[in-house]
PDB file of N, CA and C in Angstrom:
ATOM      1  N   MET A   1     134.995  89.417  59.349  1.00  0.00           N
ATOM      2  CA  MET A   1     133.678  89.009  59.932  1.00  0.00           C
ATOM      3  C   MET A   1     133.042  90.316  60.392  1.00  0.00           C
ATOM      4  N   ALA A   2     131.758  90.352  60.093  1.00  0.00           N
ATOM      5  CA  ALA A   2     130.895  91.483  60.403  1.00  0.00           C
ATOM      6  C   ALA A   2     130.556  91.431  61.807  1.00  0.00           C
ATOM      7  N   LYS A   3     130.560  92.686  62.461  1.00  0.00           N
ATOM      8  CA  LYS A   3     130.041  92.779  63.828  1.00  0.00           C
ATOM      9  C   LYS A   3     128.553  92.643  63.798  1.00  0.00           C
ATOM     10  N   ASN A   4     127.974  92.150  64.965  1.00  0.00           N
ATOM     11  CA  ASN A   4     126.556  92.179  65.272  1.00  0.00           C
ATOM     12  C   ASN A   4     126.183  93.702  65.744  1.00  0.00           C
ATOM     13  N   THR A   5     125.231  94.359  64.768  1.00  0.00           N
ATOM     14  CA  THR A   5     125.089  95.592  65.043  1.00  0.00           C
ATOM     15  C   THR A   5     123.637  95.890  65.488  1.00  0.00           C
ATOM     16  N   LYS A   6     123.025  94.969  66.112  1.00  0.00           N
ATOM     17  CA  LYS A   6     121.604  95.167  66.574  1.00  0.00           C
ATOM     18  C   LYS A   6     121.516  96.102  67.557  1.00  0.00           C
ATOM     19  N   ASP A   7     120.291  96.873  67.508  1.00  0.00           N
ATOM     20  CA  ASP A   7     120.008  97.812  68.698  1.00  0.00           C
ATOM     21  C   ASP A   7     119.607  97.203  69.893  1.00  0.00           C
ATOM     22  N   THR A   8     120.050  97.745  70.984  1.00  0.00           N
ATOM     23  CA  THR A   8     119.668  97.141  72.366  1.00  0.00           C
ATOM     24  C   THR A   8     119.172  98.368  73.228  1.00  0.00           C
ATOM     25  N   VAL A   9     118.454  97.786  74.198  1.00  0.00           N
ATOM     26  CA  VAL A   9     117.783  98.581  75.330  1.00  0.00           C
ATOM     27  C   VAL A   9     118.374  98.169  76.678  1.00  0.00           C
ATOM     28  N   ILE A  10     118.569  99.048  77.476  1.00  0.00           N
ATOM     29  CA  ILE A  10     119.173  98.812  78.867  1.00  0.00           C
ATOM     30  C   ILE A  10     117.850  98.975  79.876  1.00  0.00           C
ATOM     31  N   VAL A  11     117.516  97.882  80.485  1.00  0.00           N
ATOM     32  CA  VAL A  11     116.250  97.928  81.400  1.00  0.00           C
ATOM     33  C   VAL A  11     116.700  97.880  82.858  1.00  0.00           C
ATOM     34  N   THR A  12     116.491  98.793  83.819  1.00  0.00           N
ATOM     35  CA  THR A  12     116.661  98.562  85.117  1.00  0.00           C
ATOM     36  C   THR A  12     115.422  98.657  86.031  1.00  0.00           C
ATOM     37  N   GLN A  13     115.170  97.616  86.776  1.00  0.00           N
ATOM     38  CA  GLN A  13     114.050  97.632  87.602  1.00  0.00           C
ATOM     39  C   GLN A  13     114.229  98.716  88.834  1.00  0.00           C
ATOM     40  N   THR A  14     113.169  99.451  88.886  1.00  0.00           N
ATOM     41  CA  THR A  14     113.071 100.558  89.809  1.00  0.00           C
ATOM     42  C   THR A  14     112.139 100.442  90.928  1.00  0.00           C
ATOM     43  N   ARG A  15     111.133  99.607  90.758  1.00  0.00           N
ATOM     44  CA  ARG A  15     110.195  99.472  91.791  1.00  0.00           C
ATOM     45  C   ARG A  15     109.900  97.819  92.011  1.00  0.00           C
ATOM     46  N   SER A  16     109.272  97.589  93.114  1.00  0.00           N
ATOM     47  CA  SER A  16     109.012  96.238  93.654  1.00  0.00           C
ATOM     48  C   SER A  16     107.654  95.689  93.016  1.00  0.00           C
ATOM     49  N   PRO A  17     107.590  94.442  92.704  1.00  0.00           N
ATOM     50  CA  PRO A  17     106.482  93.748  92.148  1.00  0.00           C
ATOM     51  C   PRO A  17     105.257  93.444  93.235  1.00  0.00           C
ATOM     52  N   ILE A  18     105.661  93.749  94.389  1.00  0.00           N
ATOM     53  CA  ILE A  18     104.745  93.433  95.522  1.00  0.00           C
ATOM     54  C   ILE A  18     103.456  93.985  95.181  1.00  0.00           C
ATOM     55  N   ARG A  19     102.427  93.528  95.452  1.00  0.00           N
ATOM     56  CA  ARG A  19     101.017  94.067  95.235  1.00  0.00           C
ATOM     57  C   ARG A  19     100.744  94.339  93.783  1.00  0.00           C
ATOM     58  N   ARG A  20     101.421  93.663  92.906  1.00  0.00           N
ATOM     59  CA  ARG A  20     101.194  93.702  91.437  1.00  0.00           C
ATOM     60  C   ARG A  20     100.581  92.329  91.049  1.00  0.00           C
ATOM     61  N   GLY A  21      99.965  92.336  89.922  1.00  0.00           N
ATOM     62  CA  GLY A  21      99.417  91.062  89.352  1.00  0.00           C
ATOM     63  C   GLY A  21     100.292  90.022  89.127  1.00  0.00           C
ATOM     64  N   ALA A  22      99.971  88.880  88.928  1.00  0.00           N
ATOM     65  CA  ALA A  22     100.902  87.647  88.694  1.00  0.00           C
ATOM     66  C   ALA A  22     101.448  87.854  87.298  1.00  0.00           C
ATOM     67  N   SER A  23     100.781  88.357  86.191  1.00  0.00           N
ATOM     68  CA  SER A  23     101.344  88.567  84.928  1.00  0.00           C
ATOM     69  C   SER A  23     102.310  89.652  85.022  1.00  0.00           C
ATOM     70  N   GLN A  24     102.336  90.670  85.572  1.00  0.00           N
ATOM     71  CA  GLN A  24     103.340  91.635  85.871  1.00  0.00           C
ATOM     72  C   GLN A  24     104.622  91.113  86.427  1.00  0.00           C
ATOM     73  N   ARG A  25     104.386  90.261  87.584  1.00  0.00           N
ATOM     74  CA  ARG A  25     105.618  89.498  88.092  1.00  0.00           C
ATOM     75  C   ARG A  25     106.283  88.628  87.114  1.00  0.00           C
ATOM     76  N   ALA A  26     105.458  88.045  86.259  1.00  0.00           N
ATOM     77  CA  ALA A  26     105.965  86.883  85.294  1.00  0.00           C
ATOM     78  C   ALA A  26     106.599  87.783  84.134  1.00  0.00           C
ATOM     79  N   THR A  27     106.330  88.875  83.812  1.00  0.00           N
ATOM     80  CA  THR A  27     106.893  89.739  82.909  1.00  0.00           C
ATOM     81  C   THR A  27     108.186  90.140  83.388  1.00  0.00           C
ATOM     82  N   LEU A  28     108.318  90.723  84.395  1.00  0.00           N
ATOM     83  CA  LEU A  28     109.667  91.046  85.059  1.00  0.00           C
ATOM     84  C   LEU A  28     110.567  89.793  85.100  1.00  0.00           C
ATOM     85  N   CYS A  29     110.120  88.623  85.488  1.00  0.00           N
ATOM     86  CA  CYS A  29     110.900  87.562  85.323  1.00  0.00           C
ATOM     87  C   CYS A  29     111.482  87.084  83.955  1.00  0.00           C
ATOM     88  N   GLY A  30     110.533  87.482  83.039  1.00  0.00           N
ATOM     89  CA  GLY A  30     110.735  87.207  81.538  1.00  0.00           C
ATOM     90  C   GLY A  30     111.775  87.978  81.042  1.00  0.00           C
ATOM     91  N   LEU A  31     111.859  89.323  81.672  1.00  0.00           N
ATOM     92  CA  LEU A  31     112.850  90.053  81.184  1.00  0.00           C
ATOM     93  C   LEU A  31     114.327  89.925  81.952  1.00  0.00           C
ATOM     94  N   GLY A  32     114.310  89.082  82.937  1.00  0.00           N
ATOM     95  CA  GLY A  32     115.427  88.740  83.682  1.00  0.00           C
ATOM     96  C   GLY A  32     115.614  89.695  84.869  1.00  0.00           C
ATOM     97  N   LEU A  33     114.561  90.219  85.260  1.00  0.00           N
ATOM     98  CA  LEU A  33     114.655  91.325  86.270  1.00  0.00           C
ATOM     99  C   LEU A  33     113.923  90.668  87.539  1.00  0.00           C
ATOM    100  N   ASN A  34     114.285  90.663  88.746  1.00  0.00           N
ATOM    101  CA  ASN A  34     113.768  90.236  89.947  1.00  0.00           C
ATOM    102  C   ASN A  34     114.129  90.915  91.263  1.00  0.00           C
ATOM    103  N   LYS A  35     115.103  91.846  91.247  1.00  0.00           N
ATOM    104  CA  LYS A  35     115.345  92.576  92.312  1.00  0.00           C
ATOM    105  C   LYS A  35     115.455  93.978  91.971  1.00  0.00           C
ATOM    106  N   ILE A  36     115.190  94.969  92.801  1.00  0.00           N
ATOM    107  CA  ILE A  36     115.367  96.341  92.571  1.00  0.00           C
ATOM    108  C   ILE A  36     116.775  96.670  92.232  1.00  0.00           C
ATOM    109  N   GLY A  37     116.973  97.455  91.168  1.00  0.00           N
ATOM    110  CA  GLY A  37     118.398  97.869  90.810  1.00  0.00           C
ATOM    111  C   GLY A  37     119.107  96.881  89.868  1.00  0.00           C
ATOM    112  N   ARG A  38     118.394  95.730  89.600  1.00  0.00           N
ATOM    113  CA  ARG A  38     119.054  94.737  88.646  1.00  0.00           C
ATOM    114  C   ARG A  38     118.897  95.305  87.187  1.00  0.00           C
ATOM    115  N   THR A  39     119.884  95.224  86.355  1.00  0.00           N
ATOM    116  CA  THR A  39     119.833  95.710  85.030  1.00  0.00           C
ATOM    117  C   THR A  39     120.163  94.676  84.025  1.00  0.00           C
ATOM    118  N   ARG A  40     119.484  94.829  82.898  1.00  0.00           N
ATOM    119  CA  ARG A  40     119.688  93.852  81.727  1.00  0.00           C
ATOM    120  C   ARG A  40     119.919  94.572  80.452  1.00  0.00           C
ATOM    121  N   GLU A  41     120.687  94.195  79.514  1.00  0.00           N
ATOM    122  CA  GLU A  41     120.762  94.679  78.201  1.00  0.00           C
ATOM    123  C   GLU A  41     120.082  93.841  77.255  1.00  0.00           C
ATOM    124  N   LEU A  42     119.023  94.315  76.757  1.00  0.00           N
ATOM    125  CA  LEU A  42     118.131  93.274  75.824  1.00  0.00           C
ATOM    126  C   LEU A  42     118.140  93.767  74.452  1.00  0.00           C
ATOM    127  N   GLU A  43     117.899  92.810  73.608  1.00  0.00           N
ATOM    128  CA  GLU A  43     117.710  93.185  72.059  1.00  0.00           C
ATOM    129  C   GLU A  43     116.392  93.993  71.944  1.00  0.00           C
ATOM    130  N   ASP A  44     116.492  94.915  71.087  1.00  0.00           N
ATOM    131  CA  ASP A  44     115.252  95.777  70.776  1.00  0.00           C
ATOM    132  C   ASP A  44     114.388  95.077  69.884  1.00  0.00           C
ATOM    133  N   THR A  45     113.481  94.374  70.300  1.00  0.00           N
ATOM    134  CA  THR A  45     112.667  93.621  69.413  1.00  0.00           C
ATOM    135  C   THR A  45     111.060  94.169  69.861  1.00  0.00           C
ATOM    136  N   PRO A  46     110.160  93.894  69.050  1.00  0.00           N
ATOM    137  CA  PRO A  46     108.611  94.201  69.456  1.00  0.00           C
ATOM    138  C   PRO A  46     108.235  93.604  70.587  1.00  0.00           C
ATOM    139  N   ALA A  47     108.599  92.250  70.818  1.00  0.00           N
ATOM    140  CA  ALA A  47     108.188  91.353  71.964  1.00  0.00           C
ATOM    141  C   ALA A  47     108.929  91.977  73.378  1.00  0.00           C
ATOM    142  N   VAL A  48     110.029  92.579  73.379  1.00  0.00           N
ATOM    143  CA  VAL A  48     110.641  93.220  74.448  1.00  0.00           C
ATOM    144  C   VAL A  48     110.010  94.491  74.665  1.00  0.00           C
ATOM    145  N   ARG A  49     109.699  95.131  73.679  1.00  0.00           N
ATOM    146  CA  ARG A  49     109.042  96.506  73.802  1.00  0.00           C
ATOM    147  C   ARG A  49     107.640  96.319  74.446  1.00  0.00           C
ATOM    148  N   GLY A  50     106.933  95.318  73.977  1.00  0.00           N
ATOM    149  CA  GLY A  50     105.693  94.998  74.464  1.00  0.00           C
ATOM    150  C   GLY A  50     105.715  94.704  76.032  1.00  0.00           C
ATOM    151  N   MET A  51     106.849  93.851  76.403  1.00  0.00           N
ATOM    152  CA  MET A  51     106.949  93.639  77.707  1.00  0.00           C
ATOM    153  C   MET A  51     107.149  94.843  78.575  1.00  0.00           C
ATOM    154  N   ILE A  52     108.082  95.653  78.060  1.00  0.00           N
ATOM    155  CA  ILE A  52     108.435  96.845  78.850  1.00  0.00           C
ATOM    156  C   ILE A  52     107.143  97.712  78.980  1.00  0.00           C
ATOM    157  N   GLU A  53     106.450  97.780  77.918  1.00  0.00           N
ATOM    158  CA  GLU A  53     105.221  98.540  77.970  1.00  0.00           C
ATOM    159  C   GLU A  53     104.348  98.219  79.132  1.00  0.00           C
ATOM    160  N   LYS A  54     104.211  96.839  79.249  1.00  0.00           N
ATOM    161  CA  LYS A  54     103.276  96.336  80.292  1.00  0.00           C
ATOM    162  C   LYS A  54     103.661  96.690  81.634  1.00  0.00           C
ATOM    163  N   ILE A  55     105.043  96.885  82.068  1.00  0.00           N
ATOM    164  CA  ILE A  55     105.541  97.113  83.301  1.00  0.00           C
ATOM    165  C   ILE A  55     106.374  98.412  83.291  1.00  0.00           C
ATOM    166  N   LYS A  56     105.913  99.251  82.534  1.00  0.00           N
ATOM    167  CA  LYS A  56     106.733 100.584  82.402  1.00  0.00           C
ATOM    168  C   LYS A  56     106.766 101.397  83.670  1.00  0.00           C
ATOM    169  N   HIS A  57     105.863 101.243  84.544  1.00  0.00           N
ATOM    170  CA  HIS A  57     105.767 101.909  85.840  1.00  0.00           C
ATOM    171  C   HIS A  57     106.885 101.291  86.802  1.00  0.00           C
ATOM    172  N   MET A  58     107.403 100.284  86.546  1.00  0.00           N
ATOM    173  CA  MET A  58     108.357  99.473  87.375  1.00  0.00           C
ATOM    174  C   MET A  58     109.796  99.430  86.935  1.00  0.00           C
ATOM    175  N   VAL A  59     110.163 100.021  85.699  1.00  0.00           N
ATOM    176  CA  VAL A  59     111.469  99.975  85.207  1.00  0.00           C
ATOM    177  C   VAL A  59     111.651 101.258  84.691  1.00  0.00           C
ATOM    178  N   LYS A  60     113.167 101.459  84.324  1.00  0.00           N
ATOM    179  CA  LYS A  60     113.748 102.633  83.798  1.00  0.00           C
ATOM    180  C   LYS A  60     114.500 102.104  82.397  1.00  0.00           C
ATOM    181  N   VAL A  61     114.137 102.591  81.230  1.00  0.00           N
ATOM    182  CA  VAL A  61     114.627 102.293  79.985  1.00  0.00           C
ATOM    183  C   VAL A  61     115.478 103.234  79.453  1.00  0.00           C
ATOM    184  N   GLU A  62     116.829 102.753  78.947  1.00  0.00           N
ATOM    185  CA  GLU A  62     117.799 103.490  78.248  1.00  0.00           C
ATOM    186  C   GLU A  62     117.951 102.983  76.861  1.00  0.00           C
ATOM    187  N   GLU A  63     117.992 103.887  75.957  1.00  0.00           N
ATOM    188  CA  GLU A  63     118.327 103.420  74.510  1.00  0.00           C
ATOM    189  C   GLU A  63     119.880 103.221  74.393  1.00  0.00           C
ATOM    190  N   LYS A  64     120.209 102.179  73.597  1.00  0.00           N
ATOM    191  CA  LYS A  64     121.572 102.054  73.301  1.00  0.00           C
ATOM    192  C   LYS A  64     121.698 101.584  71.791  1.00  0.00           C
ATOM    193  N   ALA A  65     122.515 102.302  71.120  1.00  0.00           N
ATOM    194  CA  ALA A  65     122.517 102.148  69.656  1.00  0.00           C
ATOM    195  C   ALA A  65     123.563 101.118  69.441  1.00  0.00           C
TER     196      ALA A  65
END
């Protein structure tokens, strides 16, 4: 059986969504982040990359192959 070898990115929330627009807060929730320090490992897709680009000032991104 073949292993799933999809690339992933590790996203960690580093800043608060207070005083940010509703769409940025919704983007954080869409990525599964809602508290500072919370980390998620997500599949590296164009949709996820677009979400990260929208809130890049509030998250830290690490590449994982």
